């Protein structure tokens, strides 16, 4: 039976594998379309914009996740501090 940390590691590896598989497949598809498209390479510009949006979404989700973890840590520290103060004040 797998422990929680092993499950988390496998889940993260699978997520990275799915992410990079999608990214490589999407890039290959758009590159093929760009090669076959017109002189202006409209599809390459679309690929560029989609890439910028994707990077901004990933960066935003990392920032939101990091902030949430930090809030939990601060709340835990405050709870421990309050518990210690209550213990010291009880006669």
PDB file of N, CA and C in Angstrom:
ATOM      1  N   UNK A   1       0.843  -1.193   0.000  1.00  0.00           N
ATOM      2  CA  UNK A   1       0.000   0.000   0.000  1.00  0.00           C
ATOM      3  C   UNK A   1       0.881   1.248   0.000  1.00  0.00           C
ATOM      4  N   UNK A   2       0.473   2.224  -0.781  1.00  0.00           N
ATOM      5  CA  UNK A   2       1.248   3.456  -0.892  1.00  0.00           C
ATOM      6  C   UNK A   2       0.934   4.402   0.257  1.00  0.00           C
ATOM      7  N   UNK A   3       1.983   5.087   0.708  1.00  0.00           N
ATOM      8  CA  UNK A   3       1.757   6.123   1.710  1.00  0.00           C
ATOM      9  C   UNK A   3       1.282   7.391   1.020  1.00  0.00           C
ATOM     10  N   UNK A   4       0.873   8.333   1.826  1.00  0.00           N
ATOM     11  CA  UNK A   4       0.328   9.565   1.279  1.00  0.00           C
ATOM     12  C   UNK A   4       1.370  10.332   0.471  1.00  0.00           C
ATOM     13  N   UNK A   5       2.605  10.363   0.968  1.00  0.00           N
ATOM     14  CA  UNK A   5       3.635  11.109   0.243  1.00  0.00           C
ATOM     15  C   UNK A   5       3.965  10.438  -1.091  1.00  0.00           C
ATOM     16  N   UNK A   6       3.917   9.108  -1.145  1.00  0.00           N
ATOM     17  CA  UNK A   6       4.164   8.413  -2.409  1.00  0.00           C
ATOM     18  C   UNK A   6       3.022   8.676  -3.394  1.00  0.00           C
ATOM     19  N   UNK A   7       1.791   8.695  -2.889  1.00  0.00           N
ATOM     20  CA  UNK A   7       0.643   9.007  -3.742  1.00  0.00           C
ATOM     21  C   UNK A   7       0.765  10.420  -4.296  1.00  0.00           C
ATOM     22  N   UNK A   8       1.158  11.351  -3.438  1.00  0.00           N
ATOM     23  CA  UNK A   8       1.324  12.731  -3.875  1.00  0.00           C
ATOM     24  C   UNK A   8       2.408  12.843  -4.944  1.00  0.00           C
ATOM     25  N   UNK A   9       3.508  12.125  -4.741  1.00  0.00           N
ATOM     26  CA  UNK A   9       4.602  12.160  -5.711  1.00  0.00           C
ATOM     27  C   UNK A   9       4.160  11.589  -7.050  1.00  0.00           C
ATOM     28  N   UNK A  10       3.455  10.462  -7.015  1.00  0.00           N
ATOM     29  CA  UNK A  10       2.965   9.859  -8.258  1.00  0.00           C
ATOM     30  C   UNK A  10       1.964  10.784  -8.939  1.00  0.00           C
ATOM     31  N   UNK A  11       1.086  11.395  -8.164  1.00  0.00           N
ATOM     32  CA  UNK A  11       0.102  12.326  -8.721  1.00  0.00           C
ATOM     33  C   UNK A  11       0.780  13.531  -9.375  1.00  0.00           C
ATOM     34  N   UNK A  12       1.792  14.079  -8.712  1.00  0.00           N
ATOM     35  CA  UNK A  12       2.502  15.218  -9.290  1.00  0.00           C
ATOM     36  C   UNK A  12       3.224  14.819 -10.574  1.00  0.00           C
ATOM     37  N   UNK A  13       3.849  13.659 -10.580  1.00  0.00           N
ATOM     38  CA  UNK A  13       4.536  13.197 -11.788  1.00  0.00           C
ATOM     39  C   UNK A  13       3.550  12.986 -12.942  1.00  0.00           C
ATOM     40  N   UNK A  14       2.393  12.417 -12.641  1.00  0.00           N
ATOM     41  CA  UNK A  14       1.379  12.230 -13.678  1.00  0.00           C
ATOM     42  C   UNK A  14       0.845  13.564 -14.191  1.00  0.00           C
ATOM     43  N   UNK A  15       0.689  14.526 -13.305  1.00  0.00           N
ATOM     44  CA  UNK A  15       0.233  15.854 -13.729  1.00  0.00           C
ATOM     45  C   UNK A  15       1.265  16.518 -14.638  1.00  0.00           C
ATOM     46  N   UNK A  16       2.541  16.418 -14.263  1.00  0.00           N
ATOM     47  CA  UNK A  16       3.583  16.973 -15.123  1.00  0.00           C
ATOM     48  C   UNK A  16       3.637  16.259 -16.465  1.00  0.00           C
ATOM     49  N   UNK A  17       3.485  14.947 -16.445  1.00  0.00           N
ATOM     50  CA  UNK A  17       3.495  14.184 -17.688  1.00  0.00           C
ATOM     51  C   UNK A  17       2.327  14.598 -18.582  1.00  0.00           C
ATOM     52  N   UNK A  18       1.148  14.742 -18.009  1.00  0.00           N
ATOM     53  CA  UNK A  18      -0.020  15.173 -18.783  1.00  0.00           C
ATOM     54  C   UNK A  18       0.173  16.596 -19.304  1.00  0.00           C
ATOM     55  N   UNK A  19       0.693  17.453 -18.476  1.00  0.00           N
ATOM     56  CA  UNK A  19       0.934  18.848 -18.870  1.00  0.00           C
ATOM     57  C   UNK A  19       1.897  18.930 -20.045  1.00  0.00           C
ATOM     58  N   UNK A  20       3.037  18.269 -19.937  1.00  0.00           N
ATOM     59  CA  UNK A  20       4.029  18.341 -21.004  1.00  0.00           C
ATOM     60  C   UNK A  20       3.562  17.605 -22.257  1.00  0.00           C
ATOM     61  N   UNK A  21       2.817  16.537 -22.097  1.00  0.00           N
ATOM     62  CA  UNK A  21       2.268  15.848 -23.270  1.00  0.00           C
ATOM     63  C   UNK A  21       1.313  16.754 -24.028  1.00  0.00           C
ATOM     64  N   UNK A  22       0.440  17.425 -23.285  1.00  0.00           N
ATOM     65  CA  UNK A  22      -0.479  18.377 -23.917  1.00  0.00           C
ATOM     66  C   UNK A  22       0.290  19.502 -24.592  1.00  0.00           C
ATOM     67  N   UNK A  23       1.266  20.046 -23.900  1.00  0.00           N
ATOM     68  CA  UNK A  23       2.021  21.170 -24.437  1.00  0.00           C
ATOM     69  C   UNK A  23       2.784  20.789 -25.703  1.00  0.00           C
ATOM     70  N   UNK A  24       3.428  19.643 -25.700  1.00  0.00           N
ATOM     71  CA  UNK A  24       4.178  19.203 -26.884  1.00  0.00           C
ATOM     72  C   UNK A  24       3.225  18.883 -28.036  1.00  0.00           C
ATOM     73  N   UNK A  25       2.141  18.200 -27.749  1.00  0.00           N
ATOM     74  CA  UNK A  25       1.167  17.887 -28.792  1.00  0.00           C
ATOM     75  C   UNK A  25       0.537  19.129 -29.391  1.00  0.00           C
ATOM     76  N   UNK A  26       0.171  20.068 -28.538  1.00  0.00           N
ATOM     77  CA  UNK A  26      -0.437  21.320 -28.998  1.00  0.00           C
ATOM     78  C   UNK A  26       0.562  22.124 -29.820  1.00  0.00           C
ATOM     79  N   UNK A  27       1.812  22.155 -29.364  1.00  0.00           N
ATOM     80  CA  UNK A  27       2.853  22.876 -30.105  1.00  0.00           C
ATOM     81  C   UNK A  27       3.068  22.253 -31.476  1.00  0.00           C
ATOM     82  N   UNK A  28       3.119  20.934 -31.533  1.00  0.00           N
ATOM     83  CA  UNK A  28       3.316  20.257 -32.820  1.00  0.00           C
ATOM     84  C   UNK A  28       2.141  20.526 -33.761  1.00  0.00           C
ATOM     85  N   UNK A  29       0.937  20.486 -33.222  1.00  0.00           N
ATOM     86  CA  UNK A  29      -0.243  20.750 -34.039  1.00  0.00           C
ATOM     87  C   UNK A  29      -0.236  22.180 -34.589  1.00  0.00           C
ATOM     88  N   UNK A  30       0.069  23.137 -33.740  1.00  0.00           N
ATOM     89  CA  UNK A  30       0.101  24.525 -34.192  1.00  0.00           C
ATOM     90  C   UNK A  30       1.266  24.791 -35.138  1.00  0.00           C
ATOM     91  N   UNK A  31       2.400  24.145 -34.906  1.00  0.00           N
ATOM     92  CA  UNK A  31       3.523  24.319 -35.820  1.00  0.00           C
ATOM     93  C   UNK A  31       3.204  23.753 -37.198  1.00  0.00           C
ATOM     94  N   UNK A  32       2.555  22.607 -37.240  1.00  0.00           N
ATOM     95  CA  UNK A  32       2.128  22.023 -38.512  1.00  0.00           C
ATOM     96  C   UNK A  32       1.159  22.967 -39.218  1.00  0.00           C
ATOM     97  N   UNK A  33       0.229  23.543 -38.466  1.00  0.00           N
ATOM     98  CA  UNK A  33      -0.713  24.499 -39.049  1.00  0.00           C
ATOM     99  C   UNK A  33      -0.013  25.759 -39.528  1.00  0.00           C
ATOM    100  N   UNK A  34       0.994  26.204 -38.789  1.00  0.00           N
ATOM    101  CA  UNK A  34       1.716  27.402 -39.190  1.00  0.00           C
ATOM    102  C   UNK A  34       2.524  27.164 -40.461  1.00  0.00           C
ATOM    103  N   UNK A  35       3.090  25.995 -40.569  1.00  0.00           N
ATOM    104  CA  UNK A  35       3.854  25.672 -41.779  1.00  0.00           C
ATOM    105  C   UNK A  35       2.936  25.644 -42.994  1.00  0.00           C
ATOM    106  N   UNK A  36       1.730  25.143 -42.809  1.00  0.00           N
ATOM    107  CA  UNK A  36       0.779  25.039 -43.908  1.00  0.00           C
ATOM    108  C   UNK A  36      -0.011  26.322 -44.152  1.00  0.00           C
ATOM    109  N   UNK A  37       0.111  27.318 -43.271  1.00  0.00           N
ATOM    110  CA  UNK A  37      -0.747  28.506 -43.381  1.00  0.00           C
ATOM    111  C   UNK A  37      -0.123  29.570 -44.274  1.00  0.00           C
ATOM    112  N   UNK A  38      -0.753  30.735 -44.231  1.00  0.00           N
ATOM    113  CA  UNK A  38      -0.396  31.828 -45.132  1.00  0.00           C
ATOM    114  C   UNK A  38       0.935  32.494 -44.770  1.00  0.00           C
ATOM    115  N   UNK A  39       1.248  33.548 -45.496  1.00  0.00           N
ATOM    116  CA  UNK A  39       2.512  34.254 -45.335  1.00  0.00           C
ATOM    117  C   UNK A  39       2.584  34.978 -43.988  1.00  0.00           C
ATOM    118  N   UNK A  40       1.464  35.444 -43.478  1.00  0.00           N
ATOM    119  CA  UNK A  40       1.443  36.201 -42.225  1.00  0.00           C
ATOM    120  C   UNK A  40       1.623  35.321 -40.991  1.00  0.00           C
ATOM    121  N   UNK A  41       1.512  34.029 -41.147  1.00  0.00           N
ATOM    122  CA  UNK A  41       1.640  33.075 -40.034  1.00  0.00           C
ATOM    123  C   UNK A  41       0.699  33.440 -38.883  1.00  0.00           C
ATOM    124  N   UNK A  42      -0.553  33.588 -39.217  1.00  0.00           N
ATOM    125  CA  UNK A  42      -1.569  33.933 -38.222  1.00  0.00           C
ATOM    126  C   UNK A  42      -1.625  32.901 -37.108  1.00  0.00           C
ATOM    127  N   UNK A  43      -1.447  31.658 -37.456  1.00  0.00           N
ATOM    128  CA  UNK A  43      -1.501  30.598 -36.453  1.00  0.00           C
ATOM    129  C   UNK A  43      -0.340  30.688 -35.471  1.00  0.00           C
ATOM    130  N   UNK A  44       0.826  31.120 -35.930  1.00  0.00           N
ATOM    131  CA  UNK A  44       1.945  31.304 -35.009  1.00  0.00           C
ATOM    132  C   UNK A  44       1.664  32.418 -34.007  1.00  0.00           C
ATOM    133  N   UNK A  45       1.020  33.491 -34.477  1.00  0.00           N
ATOM    134  CA  UNK A  45       0.657  34.557 -33.557  1.00  0.00           C
ATOM    135  C   UNK A  45      -0.401  34.079 -32.561  1.00  0.00           C
ATOM    136  N   UNK A  46      -1.330  33.272 -33.037  1.00  0.00           N
ATOM    137  CA  UNK A  46      -2.328  32.699 -32.126  1.00  0.00           C
ATOM    138  C   UNK A  46      -1.647  31.805 -31.095  1.00  0.00           C
ATOM    139  N   UNK A  47      -0.688  31.025 -31.559  1.00  0.00           N
ATOM    140  CA  UNK A  47       0.076  30.169 -30.651  1.00  0.00           C
ATOM    141  C   UNK A  47       0.809  31.007 -29.605  1.00  0.00           C
ATOM    142  N   UNK A  48       1.393  32.103 -30.020  1.00  0.00           N
ATOM    143  CA  UNK A  48       2.101  32.991 -29.100  1.00  0.00           C
ATOM    144  C   UNK A  48       1.159  33.549 -28.040  1.00  0.00           C
ATOM    145  N   UNK A  49       0.000  34.026 -28.463  1.00  0.00           N
ATOM    146  CA  UNK A  49      -0.968  34.596 -27.519  1.00  0.00           C
ATOM    147  C   UNK A  49      -1.485  33.526 -26.560  1.00  0.00           C
ATOM    148  N   UNK A  50      -1.793  32.341 -27.081  1.00  0.00           N
ATOM    149  CA  UNK A  50      -2.263  31.246 -26.226  1.00  0.00           C
ATOM    150  C   UNK A  50      -1.176  30.849 -25.233  1.00  0.00           C
ATOM    151  N   UNK A  51       0.064  30.840 -25.681  1.00  0.00           N
ATOM    152  CA  UNK A  51       1.189  30.528 -24.787  1.00  0.00           C
ATOM    153  C   UNK A  51       1.336  31.539 -23.675  1.00  0.00           C
ATOM    154  N   UNK A  52       1.212  32.816 -24.013  1.00  0.00           N
ATOM    155  CA  UNK A  52       1.297  33.868 -22.996  1.00  0.00           C
ATOM    156  C   UNK A  52       0.149  33.736 -21.991  1.00  0.00           C
ATOM    157  N   UNK A  53      -1.057  33.479 -22.483  1.00  0.00           N
ATOM    158  CA  UNK A  53      -2.195  33.290 -21.576  1.00  0.00           C
ATOM    159  C   UNK A  53      -1.986  32.083 -20.670  1.00  0.00           C
ATOM    160  N   UNK A  54      -1.494  30.997 -21.243  1.00  0.00           N
ATOM    161  CA  UNK A  54      -1.266  29.781 -20.468  1.00  0.00           C
ATOM    162  C   UNK A  54      -0.234  30.030 -19.367  1.00  0.00           C
ATOM    163  N   UNK A  55       0.859  30.683 -19.712  1.00  0.00           N
ATOM    164  CA  UNK A  55       1.898  30.978 -18.720  1.00  0.00           C
ATOM    165  C   UNK A  55       1.342  31.889 -17.623  1.00  0.00           C
ATOM    166  N   UNK A  56       0.533  32.862 -17.998  1.00  0.00           N
ATOM    167  CA  UNK A  56      -0.036  33.753 -16.981  1.00  0.00           C
ATOM    168  C   UNK A  56      -1.016  33.019 -16.072  1.00  0.00           C
ATOM    169  N   UNK A  57      -1.810  32.086 -16.624  1.00  0.00           N
ATOM    170  CA  UNK A  57      -2.714  31.301 -15.787  1.00  0.00           C
ATOM    171  C   UNK A  57      -1.942  30.402 -14.822  1.00  0.00           C
ATOM    172  N   UNK A  58      -0.896  29.775 -15.294  1.00  0.00           N
ATOM    173  CA  UNK A  58      -0.096  28.902 -14.431  1.00  0.00           C
ATOM    174  C   UNK A  58       0.577  29.726 -13.332  1.00  0.00           C
ATOM    175  N   UNK A  59       1.130  30.870 -13.707  1.00  0.00           N
ATOM    176  CA  UNK A  59       1.769  31.740 -12.720  1.00  0.00           C
ATOM    177  C   UNK A  59       0.751  32.224 -11.680  1.00  0.00           C
ATOM    178  N   UNK A  60      -0.429  32.598 -12.134  1.00  0.00           N
ATOM    179  CA  UNK A  60      -1.475  33.029 -11.203  1.00  0.00           C
ATOM    180  C   UNK A  60      -1.917  31.925 -10.267  1.00  0.00           C
ATOM    181  N   UNK A  61      -2.049  30.714 -10.787  1.00  0.00           N
ATOM    182  CA  UNK A  61      -2.466  29.604  -9.922  1.00  0.00           C
ATOM    183  C   UNK A  61      -1.389  29.259  -8.905  1.00  0.00           C
ATOM    184  N   UNK A  62      -0.130  29.348  -9.301  1.00  0.00           N
ATOM    185  CA  UNK A  62       0.957  29.106  -8.344  1.00  0.00           C
ATOM    186  C   UNK A  62       0.940  30.169  -7.258  1.00  0.00           C
ATOM    187  N   UNK A  63       0.736  31.408  -7.652  1.00  0.00           N
ATOM    188  CA  UNK A  63       0.688  32.511  -6.680  1.00  0.00           C
ATOM    189  C   UNK A  63      -0.481  32.339  -5.711  1.00  0.00           C
ATOM    190  N   UNK A  64      -1.642  31.998  -6.234  1.00  0.00           N
ATOM    191  CA  UNK A  64      -2.813  31.797  -5.381  1.00  0.00           C
ATOM    192  C   UNK A  64      -2.591  30.627  -4.430  1.00  0.00           C
ATOM    193  N   UNK A  65      -2.031  29.529  -4.931  1.00  0.00           N
ATOM    194  CA  UNK A  65      -1.767  28.369  -4.083  1.00  0.00           C
ATOM    195  C   UNK A  65      -0.751  28.672  -2.999  1.00  0.00           C
ATOM    196  N   UNK A  66       0.304  29.409  -3.354  1.00  0.00           N
ATOM    197  CA  UNK A  66       1.326  29.772  -2.378  1.00  0.00           C
ATOM    198  C   UNK A  66       0.745  30.671  -1.299  1.00  0.00           C
ATOM    199  N   UNK A  67      -0.088  31.634  -1.703  1.00  0.00           N
ATOM    200  CA  UNK A  67      -0.717  32.519  -0.728  1.00  0.00           C
ATOM    201  C   UNK A  67      -1.637  31.745   0.219  1.00  0.00           C
ATOM    202  N   UNK A  68      -2.359  30.770  -0.307  1.00  0.00           N
ATOM    203  CA  UNK A  68      -3.265  29.974   0.531  1.00  0.00           C
ATOM    204  C   UNK A  68      -2.478  29.160   1.554  1.00  0.00           C
ATOM    205  N   UNK A  69      -1.382  28.573   1.132  1.00  0.00           N
ATOM    206  CA  UNK A  69      -0.548  27.786   2.053  1.00  0.00           C
ATOM    207  C   UNK A  69       0.025  28.696   3.128  1.00  0.00           C
ATOM    208  N   UNK A  70       0.465  29.877   2.736  1.00  0.00           N
ATOM    209  CA  UNK A  70       1.032  30.821   3.699  1.00  0.00           C
ATOM    210  C   UNK A  70      -0.016  31.270   4.718  1.00  0.00           C
ATOM    211  N   UNK A  71      -1.257  31.486   4.278  1.00  0.00           N
ATOM    212  CA  UNK A  71      -2.331  31.866   5.202  1.00  0.00           C
ATOM    213  C   UNK A  71      -2.603  30.756   6.214  1.00  0.00           C
ATOM    214  N   UNK A  72      -2.553  29.503   5.757  1.00  0.00           N
ATOM    215  CA  UNK A  72      -2.771  28.372   6.661  1.00  0.00           C
ATOM    216  C   UNK A  72      -1.658  28.308   7.692  1.00  0.00           C
ATOM    217  N   UNK A  73      -0.426  28.507   7.266  1.00  0.00           N
ATOM    218  CA  UNK A  73       0.705  28.487   8.212  1.00  0.00           C
ATOM    219  C   UNK A  73       0.573  29.584   9.254  1.00  0.00           C
ATOM    220  N   UNK A  74       0.195  30.774   8.820  1.00  0.00           N
ATOM    221  CA  UNK A  74       0.026  31.885   9.758  1.00  0.00           C
ATOM    222  C   UNK A  74      -1.094  31.581  10.743  1.00  0.00           C
ATOM    223  N   UNK A  75      -2.208  31.023  10.255  1.00  0.00           N
ATOM    224  CA  UNK A  75      -3.331  30.681  11.131  1.00  0.00           C
ATOM    225  C   UNK A  75      -2.925  29.615  12.148  1.00  0.00           C
ATOM    226  N   UNK A  76      -2.128  28.631  11.714  1.00  0.00           N
ATOM    227  CA  UNK A  76      -1.666  27.597  12.646  1.00  0.00           C
ATOM    228  C   UNK A  76      -0.763  28.193  13.718  1.00  0.00           C
ATOM    229  N   UNK A  77       0.129  29.098  13.314  1.00  0.00           N
ATOM    230  CA  UNK A  77       1.017  29.736  14.297  1.00  0.00           C
ATOM    231  C   UNK A  77       0.207  30.561  15.294  1.00  0.00           C
ATOM    232  N   UNK A  78      -0.802  31.270  14.803  1.00  0.00           N
ATOM    233  CA  UNK A  78      -1.637  32.063  15.703  1.00  0.00           C
ATOM    234  C   UNK A  78      -2.415  31.170  16.656  1.00  0.00           C
ATOM    235  N   UNK A  79      -2.912  30.041  16.171  1.00  0.00           N
ATOM    236  CA  UNK A  79      -3.659  29.120  17.031  1.00  0.00           C
ATOM    237  C   UNK A  79      -2.761  28.558  18.126  1.00  0.00           C
ATOM    238  N   UNK A  80      -1.520  28.217  17.781  1.00  0.00           N
ATOM    239  CA  UNK A  80      -0.580  27.697  18.778  1.00  0.00           C
ATOM    240  C   UNK A  80      -0.250  28.771  19.803  1.00  0.00           C
ATOM    241  N   UNK A  81      -0.052  29.990  19.348  1.00  0.00           N
ATOM    242  CA  UNK A  81       0.257  31.096  20.262  1.00  0.00           C
ATOM    243  C   UNK A  81      -0.903  31.354  21.208  1.00  0.00           C
ATOM    244  N   UNK A  82      -2.120  31.348  20.696  1.00  0.00           N
ATOM    245  CA  UNK A  82      -3.300  31.560  21.547  1.00  0.00           C
ATOM    246  C   UNK A  82      -3.450  30.423  22.545  1.00  0.00           C
ATOM    247  N   UNK A  83      -3.206  29.193  22.118  1.00  0.00           N
ATOM    248  CA  UNK A  83      -3.302  28.052  23.028  1.00  0.00           C
ATOM    249  C   UNK A  83      -2.263  28.163  24.139  1.00  0.00           C
ATOM    250  N   UNK A  84      -1.044  28.582  23.812  1.00  0.00           N
ATOM    251  CA  UNK A  84      -0.013  28.744  24.830  1.00  0.00           C
ATOM    252  C   UNK A  84      -0.389  29.841  25.808  1.00  0.00           C
ATOM    253  N   UNK A  85      -0.974  30.939  25.321  1.00  0.00           N
ATOM    254  CA  UNK A  85      -1.382  32.030  26.199  1.00  0.00           C
ATOM    255  C   UNK A  85      -2.487  31.572  27.150  1.00  0.00           C
ATOM    256  N   UNK A  86      -3.412  30.761  26.653  1.00  0.00           N
ATOM    257  CA  UNK A  86      -4.504  30.259  27.504  1.00  0.00           C
ATOM    258  C   UNK A  86      -3.955  29.340  28.583  1.00  0.00           C
ATOM    259  N   UNK A  87      -2.969  28.520  28.237  1.00  0.00           N
ATOM    260  CA  UNK A  87      -2.377  27.606  29.214  1.00  0.00           C
ATOM    261  C   UNK A  87      -1.672  28.399  30.297  1.00  0.00           C
ATOM    262  N   UNK A  88      -0.953  29.449  29.899  1.00  0.00           N
ATOM    263  CA  UNK A  88      -0.244  30.270  30.880  1.00  0.00           C
ATOM    264  C   UNK A  88      -1.186  31.049  31.781  1.00  0.00           C
ATOM    265  N   UNK A  89      -2.354  31.427  31.280  1.00  0.00           N
ATOM    266  CA  UNK A  89      -3.303  32.229  32.068  1.00  0.00           C
ATOM    267  C   UNK A  89      -4.181  31.391  32.989  1.00  0.00           C
ATOM    268  N   UNK A  90      -4.362  30.101  32.678  1.00  0.00           N
ATOM    269  CA  UNK A  90      -5.209  29.240  33.517  1.00  0.00           C
ATOM    270  C   UNK A  90      -4.510  28.989  34.844  1.00  0.00           C
ATOM    271  N   UNK A  91      -5.261  29.190  35.985  1.00  0.00           N
ATOM    272  CA  UNK A  91      -4.674  28.976  37.308  1.00  0.00           C
ATOM    273  C   UNK A  91      -4.556  27.516  37.675  1.00  0.00           C
TER     274      UNK A  91
END
